[in-house]
């Protein structure tokens, strides 16, 4: 997590900052050059094996969908799959092949 540049991500749950490169694969954020970046995400992982934690993480993905449906400005909805919540970064934008922070 240190190599991914994730140490500054706040909260109790473990998180990793990843960037999709132009080869379609995700890498630790710090290892992808801006001109190779296609998408930036924060990956939030389960903090335990308890069912309630899985339910919390799974429900969190739905909150962004509901917020968007209610008319709130949501960059892109989060997605949940098998104990992993993928949160698109709203503080990064790819413009003309460059990452704007």
PDB file of N, CA and C in Angstrom:
ATOM      1  N   UNK A   1       0.827  -1.192   0.000  1.00  0.00           N
ATOM      2  CA  UNK A   1       0.000   0.000   0.000  1.00  0.00           C
ATOM      3  C   UNK A   1       0.871   1.256   0.000  1.00  0.00           C
ATOM      4  N   UNK A   2       2.023   1.187   0.625  1.00  0.00           N
ATOM      5  CA  UNK A   2       2.922   2.337   0.634  1.00  0.00           C
ATOM      6  C   UNK A   2       3.377   2.659  -0.790  1.00  0.00           C
ATOM      7  N   UNK A   3       3.737   1.637  -1.565  1.00  0.00           N
ATOM      8  CA  UNK A   3       4.195   1.839  -2.939  1.00  0.00           C
ATOM      9  C   UNK A   3       3.113   2.414  -3.832  1.00  0.00           C
ATOM     10  N   UNK A   4       1.843   2.175  -3.494  1.00  0.00           N
ATOM     11  CA  UNK A   4       0.748   2.660  -4.340  1.00  0.00           C
ATOM     12  C   UNK A   4       0.433   4.122  -4.092  1.00  0.00           C
ATOM     13  N   UNK A   5       1.060   4.720  -3.084  1.00  0.00           N
ATOM     14  CA  UNK A   5       0.745   6.106  -2.744  1.00  0.00           C
ATOM     15  C   UNK A   5      -0.535   6.215  -1.961  1.00  0.00           C
ATOM     16  N   UNK A   6      -0.918   5.137  -1.297  1.00  0.00           N
ATOM     17  CA  UNK A   6      -2.206   5.066  -0.613  1.00  0.00           C
ATOM     18  C   UNK A   6      -2.135   5.455   0.853  1.00  0.00           C
ATOM     19  N   UNK A   7      -0.961   5.768   1.363  1.00  0.00           N
ATOM     20  CA  UNK A   7      -0.837   6.038   2.791  1.00  0.00           C
ATOM     21  C   UNK A   7      -1.620   7.270   3.224  1.00  0.00           C
ATOM     22  N   UNK A   8      -1.910   8.175   2.301  1.00  0.00           N
ATOM     23  CA  UNK A   8      -2.656   9.377   2.639  1.00  0.00           C
ATOM     24  C   UNK A   8      -4.169   9.218   2.553  1.00  0.00           C
ATOM     25  N   UNK A   9      -4.639   8.061   2.118  1.00  0.00           N
ATOM     26  CA  UNK A   9      -6.073   7.838   2.004  1.00  0.00           C
ATOM     27  C   UNK A   9      -6.634   7.609   3.406  1.00  0.00           C
ATOM     28  N   UNK A  10      -7.589   8.409   3.767  1.00  0.00           N
ATOM     29  CA  UNK A  10      -8.120   8.406   5.128  1.00  0.00           C
ATOM     30  C   UNK A  10      -9.133   7.292   5.352  1.00  0.00           C
ATOM     31  N   UNK A  11      -9.386   7.013   6.619  1.00  0.00           N
ATOM     32  CA  UNK A  11     -10.435   6.075   6.989  1.00  0.00           C
ATOM     33  C   UNK A  11      -9.893   4.813   7.622  1.00  0.00           C
ATOM     34  N   UNK A  12     -10.816   4.057   8.153  1.00  0.00           N
ATOM     35  CA  UNK A  12     -10.494   2.846   8.887  1.00  0.00           C
ATOM     36  C   UNK A  12     -10.276   1.635   7.974  1.00  0.00           C
ATOM     37  N   UNK A  13     -10.890   1.655   6.810  1.00  0.00           N
ATOM     38  CA  UNK A  13     -10.817   0.518   5.896  1.00  0.00           C
ATOM     39  C   UNK A  13      -9.555   0.621   5.038  1.00  0.00           C
ATOM     40  N   UNK A  14      -8.923  -0.520   4.719  1.00  0.00           N
ATOM     41  CA  UNK A  14      -7.734  -0.464   3.865  1.00  0.00           C
ATOM     42  C   UNK A  14      -8.108  -0.055   2.443  1.00  0.00           C
ATOM     43  N   UNK A  15      -7.267   0.818   1.866  1.00  0.00           N
ATOM     44  CA  UNK A  15      -7.516   1.331   0.520  1.00  0.00           C
ATOM     45  C   UNK A  15      -6.209   1.358  -0.266  1.00  0.00           C
ATOM     46  N   UNK A  16      -6.334   1.246  -1.573  1.00  0.00           N
ATOM     47  CA  UNK A  16      -5.186   1.302  -2.466  1.00  0.00           C
ATOM     48  C   UNK A  16      -5.540   2.217  -3.635  1.00  0.00           C
ATOM     49  N   UNK A  17      -4.636   3.139  -3.975  1.00  0.00           N
ATOM     50  CA  UNK A  17      -4.815   4.000  -5.143  1.00  0.00           C
ATOM     51  C   UNK A  17      -4.221   3.287  -6.350  1.00  0.00           C
ATOM     52  N   UNK A  18      -5.059   3.046  -7.363  1.00  0.00           N
ATOM     53  CA  UNK A  18      -4.613   2.366  -8.575  1.00  0.00           C
ATOM     54  C   UNK A  18      -4.907   3.215  -9.801  1.00  0.00           C
ATOM     55  N   UNK A  19      -4.112   2.999 -10.830  1.00  0.00           N
ATOM     56  CA  UNK A  19      -4.315   3.675 -12.105  1.00  0.00           C
ATOM     57  C   UNK A  19      -4.311   2.640 -13.210  1.00  0.00           C
ATOM     58  N   UNK A  20      -5.310   2.723 -14.094  1.00  0.00           N
ATOM     59  CA  UNK A  20      -5.323   1.864 -15.270  1.00  0.00           C
ATOM     60  C   UNK A  20      -4.418   2.508 -16.318  1.00  0.00           C
ATOM     61  N   UNK A  21      -3.482   1.724 -16.815  1.00  0.00           N
ATOM     62  CA  UNK A  21      -2.581   2.200 -17.869  1.00  0.00           C
ATOM     63  C   UNK A  21      -3.189   1.902 -19.229  1.00  0.00           C
ATOM     64  N   UNK A  22      -2.560   2.432 -20.259  1.00  0.00           N
ATOM     65  CA  UNK A  22      -3.095   2.241 -21.609  1.00  0.00           C
ATOM     66  C   UNK A  22      -3.013   0.798 -22.102  1.00  0.00           C
ATOM     67  N   UNK A  23      -2.418  -0.109 -21.304  1.00  0.00           N
ATOM     68  CA  UNK A  23      -2.436  -1.526 -21.659  1.00  0.00           C
ATOM     69  C   UNK A  23      -3.660  -2.243 -21.073  1.00  0.00           C
ATOM     70  N   UNK A  24      -4.524  -1.479 -20.365  1.00  0.00           N
ATOM     71  CA  UNK A  24      -5.754  -2.034 -19.814  1.00  0.00           C
ATOM     72  C   UNK A  24      -5.609  -2.672 -18.446  1.00  0.00           C
ATOM     73  N   UNK A  25      -4.405  -2.631 -17.873  1.00  0.00           N
ATOM     74  CA  UNK A  25      -4.162  -3.213 -16.558  1.00  0.00           C
ATOM     75  C   UNK A  25      -4.039  -2.126 -15.498  1.00  0.00           C
ATOM     76  N   UNK A  26      -4.388  -2.484 -14.240  1.00  0.00           N
ATOM     77  CA  UNK A  26      -4.257  -1.553 -13.115  1.00  0.00           C
ATOM     78  C   UNK A  26      -2.911  -1.743 -12.440  1.00  0.00           C
ATOM     79  N   UNK A  27      -2.300  -0.617 -12.059  1.00  0.00           N
ATOM     80  CA  UNK A  27      -1.021  -0.610 -11.361  1.00  0.00           C
ATOM     81  C   UNK A  27      -1.115   0.348 -10.176  1.00  0.00           C
ATOM     82  N   UNK A  28      -0.182   0.197  -9.231  1.00  0.00           N
ATOM     83  CA  UNK A  28      -0.088   1.172  -8.151  1.00  0.00           C
ATOM     84  C   UNK A  28       0.061   2.549  -8.781  1.00  0.00           C
ATOM     85  N   UNK A  29      -0.662   3.517  -8.247  1.00  0.00           N
ATOM     86  CA  UNK A  29      -0.756   4.853  -8.829  1.00  0.00           C
ATOM     87  C   UNK A  29       0.609   5.456  -9.164  1.00  0.00           C
ATOM     88  N   UNK A  30       1.558   5.307  -8.288  1.00  0.00           N
ATOM     89  CA  UNK A  30       2.871   5.944  -8.471  1.00  0.00           C
ATOM     90  C   UNK A  30       3.673   5.353  -9.629  1.00  0.00           C
ATOM     91  N   UNK A  31       3.290   4.171 -10.128  1.00  0.00           N
ATOM     92  CA  UNK A  31       4.063   3.505 -11.164  1.00  0.00           C
ATOM     93  C   UNK A  31       3.569   3.771 -12.582  1.00  0.00           C
ATOM     94  N   UNK A  32       2.529   4.580 -12.727  1.00  0.00           N
ATOM     95  CA  UNK A  32       1.990   4.874 -14.059  1.00  0.00           C
ATOM     96  C   UNK A  32       2.246   6.350 -14.381  1.00  0.00           C
ATOM     97  N   UNK A  33       2.928   6.584 -15.482  1.00  0.00           N
ATOM     98  CA  UNK A  33       3.180   7.950 -15.926  1.00  0.00           C
ATOM     99  C   UNK A  33       1.861   8.583 -16.392  1.00  0.00           C
ATOM    100  N   UNK A  34       1.730   9.885 -16.222  1.00  0.00           N
ATOM    101  CA  UNK A  34       0.492  10.578 -16.585  1.00  0.00           C
ATOM    102  C   UNK A  34       0.070  10.306 -18.029  1.00  0.00           C
ATOM    103  N   UNK A  35       1.018  10.291 -18.947  1.00  0.00           N
ATOM    104  CA  UNK A  35       0.671  10.094 -20.363  1.00  0.00           C
ATOM    105  C   UNK A  35       0.229   8.667 -20.668  1.00  0.00           C
ATOM    106  N   UNK A  36       0.456   7.720 -19.742  1.00  0.00           N
ATOM    107  CA  UNK A  36       0.018   6.332 -19.914  1.00  0.00           C
ATOM    108  C   UNK A  36      -1.305   6.051 -19.212  1.00  0.00           C
ATOM    109  N   UNK A  37      -1.770   6.988 -18.374  1.00  0.00           N
ATOM    110  CA  UNK A  37      -2.959   6.775 -17.541  1.00  0.00           C
ATOM    111  C   UNK A  37      -4.244   6.862 -18.357  1.00  0.00           C
ATOM    112  N   UNK A  38      -5.165   5.935 -18.042  1.00  0.00           N
ATOM    113  CA  UNK A  38      -6.471   5.899 -18.693  1.00  0.00           C
ATOM    114  C   UNK A  38      -7.583   6.155 -17.679  1.00  0.00           C
ATOM    115  N   UNK A  39      -7.388   5.666 -16.442  1.00  0.00           N
ATOM    116  CA  UNK A  39      -8.425   5.774 -15.401  1.00  0.00           C
ATOM    117  C   UNK A  39      -7.762   5.700 -14.034  1.00  0.00           C
ATOM    118  N   UNK A  40      -8.295   6.471 -13.086  1.00  0.00           N
ATOM    119  CA  UNK A  40      -7.787   6.478 -11.714  1.00  0.00           C
ATOM    120  C   UNK A  40      -8.892   6.025 -10.766  1.00  0.00           C
ATOM    121  N   UNK A  41      -8.559   5.121  -9.830  1.00  0.00           N
ATOM    122  CA  UNK A  41      -9.541   4.610  -8.885  1.00  0.00           C
ATOM    123  C   UNK A  41      -8.916   4.462  -7.497  1.00  0.00           C
ATOM    124  N   UNK A  42      -9.791   4.403  -6.504  1.00  0.00           N
ATOM    125  CA  UNK A  42      -9.407   3.985  -5.164  1.00  0.00           C
ATOM    126  C   UNK A  42     -10.099   2.650  -4.938  1.00  0.00           C
ATOM    127  N   UNK A  43      -9.344   1.663  -4.527  1.00  0.00           N
ATOM    128  CA  UNK A  43      -9.893   0.348  -4.252  1.00  0.00           C
ATOM    129  C   UNK A  43      -9.983   0.204  -2.738  1.00  0.00           C
ATOM    130  N   UNK A  44     -11.196   0.013  -2.259  1.00  0.00           N
ATOM    131  CA  UNK A  44     -11.457  -0.138  -0.826  1.00  0.00           C
ATOM    132  C   UNK A  44     -11.690  -1.621  -0.560  1.00  0.00           C
ATOM    133  N   UNK A  45     -10.949  -2.155   0.410  1.00  0.00           N
ATOM    134  CA  UNK A  45     -10.978  -3.585   0.697  1.00  0.00           C
ATOM    135  C   UNK A  45     -11.708  -3.864   1.999  1.00  0.00           C
ATOM    136  N   UNK A  46     -12.161  -5.085   2.154  1.00  0.00           N
ATOM    137  CA  UNK A  46     -12.806  -5.488   3.407  1.00  0.00           C
ATOM    138  C   UNK A  46     -11.828  -5.337   4.561  1.00  0.00           C
ATOM    139  N   UNK A  47     -12.321  -4.884   5.690  1.00  0.00           N
ATOM    140  CA  UNK A  47     -11.454  -4.733   6.859  1.00  0.00           C
ATOM    141  C   UNK A  47     -11.484  -5.957   7.755  1.00  0.00           C
ATOM    142  N   UNK A  48     -12.417  -6.880   7.503  1.00  0.00           N
ATOM    143  CA  UNK A  48     -12.492  -8.126   8.266  1.00  0.00           C
ATOM    144  C   UNK A  48     -13.257  -9.152   7.441  1.00  0.00           C
ATOM    145  N   UNK A  49     -13.391 -10.333   7.976  1.00  0.00           N
ATOM    146  CA  UNK A  49     -14.156 -11.387   7.294  1.00  0.00           C
ATOM    147  C   UNK A  49     -15.599 -11.437   7.792  1.00  0.00           C
ATOM    148  N   UNK A  50     -15.984 -10.481   8.592  1.00  0.00           N
ATOM    149  CA  UNK A  50     -17.336 -10.455   9.148  1.00  0.00           C
ATOM    150  C   UNK A  50     -18.352 -10.092   8.065  1.00  0.00           C
ATOM    151  N   UNK A  51     -19.496 -10.758   8.108  1.00  0.00           N
ATOM    152  CA  UNK A  51     -20.552 -10.527   7.119  1.00  0.00           C
ATOM    153  C   UNK A  51     -21.021  -9.078   7.124  1.00  0.00           C
ATOM    154  N   UNK A  52     -21.102  -8.462   8.277  1.00  0.00           N
ATOM    155  CA  UNK A  52     -21.589  -7.072   8.341  1.00  0.00           C
ATOM    156  C   UNK A  52     -20.655  -6.122   7.597  1.00  0.00           C
ATOM    157  N   UNK A  53     -19.345  -6.376   7.644  1.00  0.00           N
ATOM    158  CA  UNK A  53     -18.423  -5.526   6.899  1.00  0.00           C
ATOM    159  C   UNK A  53     -18.608  -5.693   5.397  1.00  0.00           C
ATOM    160  N   UNK A  54     -18.852  -6.916   4.955  1.00  0.00           N
ATOM    161  CA  UNK A  54     -19.120  -7.145   3.530  1.00  0.00           C
ATOM    162  C   UNK A  54     -20.381  -6.413   3.095  1.00  0.00           C
ATOM    163  N   UNK A  55     -21.411  -6.481   3.927  1.00  0.00           N
ATOM    164  CA  UNK A  55     -22.673  -5.803   3.602  1.00  0.00           C
ATOM    165  C   UNK A  55     -22.499  -4.291   3.546  1.00  0.00           C
ATOM    166  N   UNK A  56     -21.713  -3.746   4.459  1.00  0.00           N
ATOM    167  CA  UNK A  56     -21.460  -2.295   4.467  1.00  0.00           C
ATOM    168  C   UNK A  56     -20.760  -1.891   3.176  1.00  0.00           C
ATOM    169  N   UNK A  57     -19.720  -2.620   2.809  1.00  0.00           N
ATOM    170  CA  UNK A  57     -18.960  -2.292   1.605  1.00  0.00           C
ATOM    171  C   UNK A  57     -19.814  -2.447   0.351  1.00  0.00           C
ATOM    172  N   UNK A  58     -20.599  -3.499   0.297  1.00  0.00           N
ATOM    173  CA  UNK A  58     -21.473  -3.722  -0.853  1.00  0.00           C
ATOM    174  C   UNK A  58     -22.524  -2.610  -0.964  1.00  0.00           C
ATOM    175  N   UNK A  59     -23.092  -2.208   0.169  1.00  0.00           N
ATOM    176  CA  UNK A  59     -24.116  -1.159   0.158  1.00  0.00           C
ATOM    177  C   UNK A  59     -23.535   0.191  -0.261  1.00  0.00           C
ATOM    178  N   UNK A  60     -22.280   0.410   0.072  1.00  0.00           N
ATOM    179  CA  UNK A  60     -21.658   1.690  -0.272  1.00  0.00           C
ATOM    180  C   UNK A  60     -21.669   1.938  -1.777  1.00  0.00           C
ATOM    181  N   UNK A  61     -21.522   0.896  -2.558  1.00  0.00           N
ATOM    182  CA  UNK A  61     -21.573   1.047  -4.020  1.00  0.00           C
ATOM    183  C   UNK A  61     -22.943   1.555  -4.452  1.00  0.00           C
ATOM    184  N   UNK A  62     -23.971   1.056  -3.809  1.00  0.00           N
ATOM    185  CA  UNK A  62     -25.326   1.485  -4.148  1.00  0.00           C
ATOM    186  C   UNK A  62     -25.620   2.928  -3.795  1.00  0.00           C
ATOM    187  N   UNK A  63     -24.945   3.440  -2.778  1.00  0.00           N
ATOM    188  CA  UNK A  63     -25.190   4.829  -2.363  1.00  0.00           C
ATOM    189  C   UNK A  63     -24.866   5.806  -3.485  1.00  0.00           C
ATOM    190  N   UNK A  64     -23.799   5.558  -4.239  1.00  0.00           N
ATOM    191  CA  UNK A  64     -23.445   6.490  -5.316  1.00  0.00           C
ATOM    192  C   UNK A  64     -24.468   6.433  -6.445  1.00  0.00           C
ATOM    193  N   UNK A  65     -25.046   5.270  -6.683  1.00  0.00           N
ATOM    194  CA  UNK A  65     -26.084   5.124  -7.712  1.00  0.00           C
ATOM    195  C   UNK A  65     -27.346   5.864  -7.278  1.00  0.00           C
ATOM    196  N   UNK A  66     -27.745   5.669  -6.036  1.00  0.00           N
ATOM    197  CA  UNK A  66     -28.938   6.341  -5.507  1.00  0.00           C
ATOM    198  C   UNK A  66     -28.745   7.853  -5.517  1.00  0.00           C
ATOM    199  N   UNK A  67     -27.571   8.303  -5.099  1.00  0.00           N
ATOM    200  CA  UNK A  67     -27.287   9.743  -5.087  1.00  0.00           C
ATOM    201  C   UNK A  67     -27.433  10.336  -6.487  1.00  0.00           C
ATOM    202  N   UNK A  68     -26.931   9.642  -7.480  1.00  0.00           N
ATOM    203  CA  UNK A  68     -27.027  10.119  -8.864  1.00  0.00           C
ATOM    204  C   UNK A  68     -28.482  10.167  -9.312  1.00  0.00           C
ATOM    205  N   UNK A  69     -29.245   9.121  -8.958  1.00  0.00           N
ATOM    206  CA  UNK A  69     -30.661   9.082  -9.328  1.00  0.00           C
ATOM    207  C   UNK A  69     -31.460  10.198  -8.648  1.00  0.00           C
ATOM    208  N   UNK A  70     -31.023  10.627  -7.474  1.00  0.00           N
ATOM    209  CA  UNK A  70     -31.681  11.723  -6.766  1.00  0.00           C
ATOM    210  C   UNK A  70     -31.286  13.097  -7.308  1.00  0.00           C
ATOM    211  N   UNK A  71     -30.373  13.099  -8.278  1.00  0.00           N
ATOM    212  CA  UNK A  71     -29.978  14.347  -8.905  1.00  0.00           C
ATOM    213  C   UNK A  71     -28.720  14.971  -8.333  1.00  0.00           C
ATOM    214  N   UNK A  72     -28.062  14.280  -7.406  1.00  0.00           N
ATOM    215  CA  UNK A  72     -26.806  14.794  -6.868  1.00  0.00           C
ATOM    216  C   UNK A  72     -25.689  14.584  -7.885  1.00  0.00           C
ATOM    217  N   UNK A  73     -24.717  15.455  -7.854  1.00  0.00           N
ATOM    218  CA  UNK A  73     -23.604  15.364  -8.794  1.00  0.00           C
ATOM    219  C   UNK A  73     -22.660  14.249  -8.331  1.00  0.00           C
ATOM    220  N   UNK A  74     -22.626  13.171  -9.097  1.00  0.00           N
ATOM    221  CA  UNK A  74     -21.765  12.025  -8.815  1.00  0.00           C
ATOM    222  C   UNK A  74     -20.873  11.830 -10.034  1.00  0.00           C
ATOM    223  N   UNK A  75     -19.574  11.861  -9.813  1.00  0.00           N
ATOM    224  CA  UNK A  75     -18.613  11.734 -10.910  1.00  0.00           C
ATOM    225  C   UNK A  75     -18.875  10.471 -11.718  1.00  0.00           C
ATOM    226  N   UNK A  76     -18.839   9.344 -11.045  1.00  0.00           N
ATOM    227  CA  UNK A  76     -19.107   8.043 -11.658  1.00  0.00           C
ATOM    228  C   UNK A  76     -19.430   7.083 -10.518  1.00  0.00           C
ATOM    229  N   UNK A  77     -20.468   6.290 -10.638  1.00  0.00           N
ATOM    230  CA  UNK A  77     -20.827   5.390  -9.541  1.00  0.00           C
ATOM    231  C   UNK A  77     -19.720   4.383  -9.213  1.00  0.00           C
ATOM    232  N   UNK A  78     -19.637   4.017  -7.951  1.00  0.00           N
ATOM    233  CA  UNK A  78     -18.707   2.984  -7.495  1.00  0.00           C
ATOM    234  C   UNK A  78     -19.282   1.621  -7.846  1.00  0.00           C
ATOM    235  N   UNK A  79     -18.412   0.619  -7.893  1.00  0.00           N
ATOM    236  CA  UNK A  79     -18.849  -0.751  -8.160  1.00  0.00           C
ATOM    237  C   UNK A  79     -18.276  -1.680  -7.092  1.00  0.00           C
ATOM    238  N   UNK A  80     -19.041  -2.718  -6.774  1.00  0.00           N
ATOM    239  CA  UNK A  80     -18.624  -3.693  -5.769  1.00  0.00           C
ATOM    240  C   UNK A  80     -18.593  -5.082  -6.393  1.00  0.00           C
ATOM    241  N   UNK A  81     -17.515  -5.825  -6.123  1.00  0.00           N
ATOM    242  CA  UNK A  81     -17.403  -7.214  -6.555  1.00  0.00           C
ATOM    243  C   UNK A  81     -16.537  -7.976  -5.562  1.00  0.00           C
ATOM    244  N   UNK A  82     -17.078  -9.019  -4.986  1.00  0.00           N
ATOM    245  CA  UNK A  82     -16.340  -9.964  -4.154  1.00  0.00           C
ATOM    246  C   UNK A  82     -15.401  -9.321  -3.136  1.00  0.00           C
ATOM    247  N   UNK A  83     -15.932  -8.459  -2.294  1.00  0.00           N
ATOM    248  CA  UNK A  83     -15.140  -7.877  -1.219  1.00  0.00           C
ATOM    249  C   UNK A  83     -14.278  -6.697  -1.614  1.00  0.00           C
ATOM    250  N   UNK A  84     -14.493  -6.171  -2.807  1.00  0.00           N
ATOM    251  CA  UNK A  84     -13.696  -5.050  -3.308  1.00  0.00           C
ATOM    252  C   UNK A  84     -14.636  -3.961  -3.825  1.00  0.00           C
ATOM    253  N   UNK A  85     -14.465  -2.747  -3.306  1.00  0.00           N
ATOM    254  CA  UNK A  85     -15.230  -1.592  -3.779  1.00  0.00           C
ATOM    255  C   UNK A  85     -14.308  -0.734  -4.630  1.00  0.00           C
ATOM    256  N   UNK A  86     -14.683  -0.504  -5.885  1.00  0.00           N
ATOM    257  CA  UNK A  86     -13.901   0.309  -6.798  1.00  0.00           C
ATOM    258  C   UNK A  86     -14.557   1.685  -6.882  1.00  0.00           C
ATOM    259  N   UNK A  87     -13.821   2.701  -6.428  1.00  0.00           N
ATOM    260  CA  UNK A  87     -14.327   4.071  -6.370  1.00  0.00           C
ATOM    261  C   UNK A  87     -13.572   4.907  -7.402  1.00  0.00           C
ATOM    262  N   UNK A  88     -14.240   5.356  -8.468  1.00  0.00           N
ATOM    263  CA  UNK A  88     -13.572   6.212  -9.452  1.00  0.00           C
ATOM    264  C   UNK A  88     -13.119   7.526  -8.809  1.00  0.00           C
ATOM    265  N   UNK A  89     -11.928   7.975  -9.149  1.00  0.00           N
ATOM    266  CA  UNK A  89     -11.398   9.213  -8.579  1.00  0.00           C
ATOM    267  C   UNK A  89     -12.081  10.417  -9.220  1.00  0.00           C
ATOM    268  N   UNK A  90     -12.596  11.319  -8.398  1.00  0.00           N
ATOM    269  CA  UNK A  90     -13.198  12.552  -8.913  1.00  0.00           C
ATOM    270  C   UNK A  90     -12.175  13.673  -8.951  1.00  0.00           C
ATOM    271  N   UNK A  91     -11.015  13.448  -8.348  1.00  0.00           N
ATOM    272  CA  UNK A  91      -9.985  14.483  -8.295  1.00  0.00           C
ATOM    273  C   UNK A  91      -8.901  14.284  -9.356  1.00  0.00           C
ATOM    274  N   UNK A  92      -9.170  13.440 -10.319  1.00  0.00           N
ATOM    275  CA  UNK A  92      -8.268  13.202 -11.443  1.00  0.00           C
ATOM    276  C   UNK A  92      -9.107  13.210 -12.722  1.00  0.00           C
ATOM    277  N   UNK A  93      -8.557  13.815 -13.762  1.00  0.00           N
ATOM    278  CA  UNK A  93      -9.261  13.861 -15.041  1.00  0.00           C
ATOM    279  C   UNK A  93      -8.227  13.682 -16.145  1.00  0.00           C
ATOM    280  N   UNK A  94      -8.543  12.811 -17.095  1.00  0.00           N
ATOM    281  CA  UNK A  94      -7.658  12.594 -18.240  1.00  0.00           C
ATOM    282  C   UNK A  94      -8.113  13.525 -19.343  1.00  0.00           C
ATOM    283  N   UNK A  95      -7.232  14.451 -19.741  1.00  0.00           N
ATOM    284  CA  UNK A  95      -7.547  15.412 -20.793  1.00  0.00           C
ATOM    285  C   UNK A  95      -6.406  15.442 -21.798  1.00  0.00           C
ATOM    286  N   UNK A  96      -6.706  15.104 -23.046  1.00  0.00           N
ATOM    287  CA  UNK A  96      -5.699  15.090 -24.122  1.00  0.00           C
ATOM    288  C   UNK A  96      -4.466  14.299 -23.726  1.00  0.00           C
ATOM    289  N   UNK A  97      -4.670  13.129 -23.102  1.00  0.00           N
ATOM    290  CA  UNK A  97      -3.566  12.263 -22.738  1.00  0.00           C
ATOM    291  C   UNK A  97      -2.788  12.687 -21.508  1.00  0.00           C
ATOM    292  N   UNK A  98      -3.266  13.702 -20.799  1.00  0.00           N
ATOM    293  CA  UNK A  98      -2.577  14.172 -19.599  1.00  0.00           C
ATOM    294  C   UNK A  98      -3.512  14.075 -18.408  1.00  0.00           C
ATOM    295  N   UNK A  99      -2.959  13.786 -17.245  1.00  0.00           N
ATOM    296  CA  UNK A  99      -3.742  13.721 -16.020  1.00  0.00           C
ATOM    297  C   UNK A  99      -3.754  15.096 -15.365  1.00  0.00           C
ATOM    298  N   UNK A 100      -4.965  15.600 -15.143  1.00  0.00           N
ATOM    299  CA  UNK A 100      -5.130  16.875 -14.454  1.00  0.00           C
ATOM    300  C   UNK A 100      -5.578  16.568 -13.035  1.00  0.00           C
ATOM    301  N   UNK A 101      -4.863  17.098 -12.063  1.00  0.00           N
ATOM    302  CA  UNK A 101      -5.185  16.851 -10.651  1.00  0.00           C
ATOM    303  C   UNK A 101      -5.834  18.078 -10.054  1.00  0.00           C
TER     304      UNK A 101
END
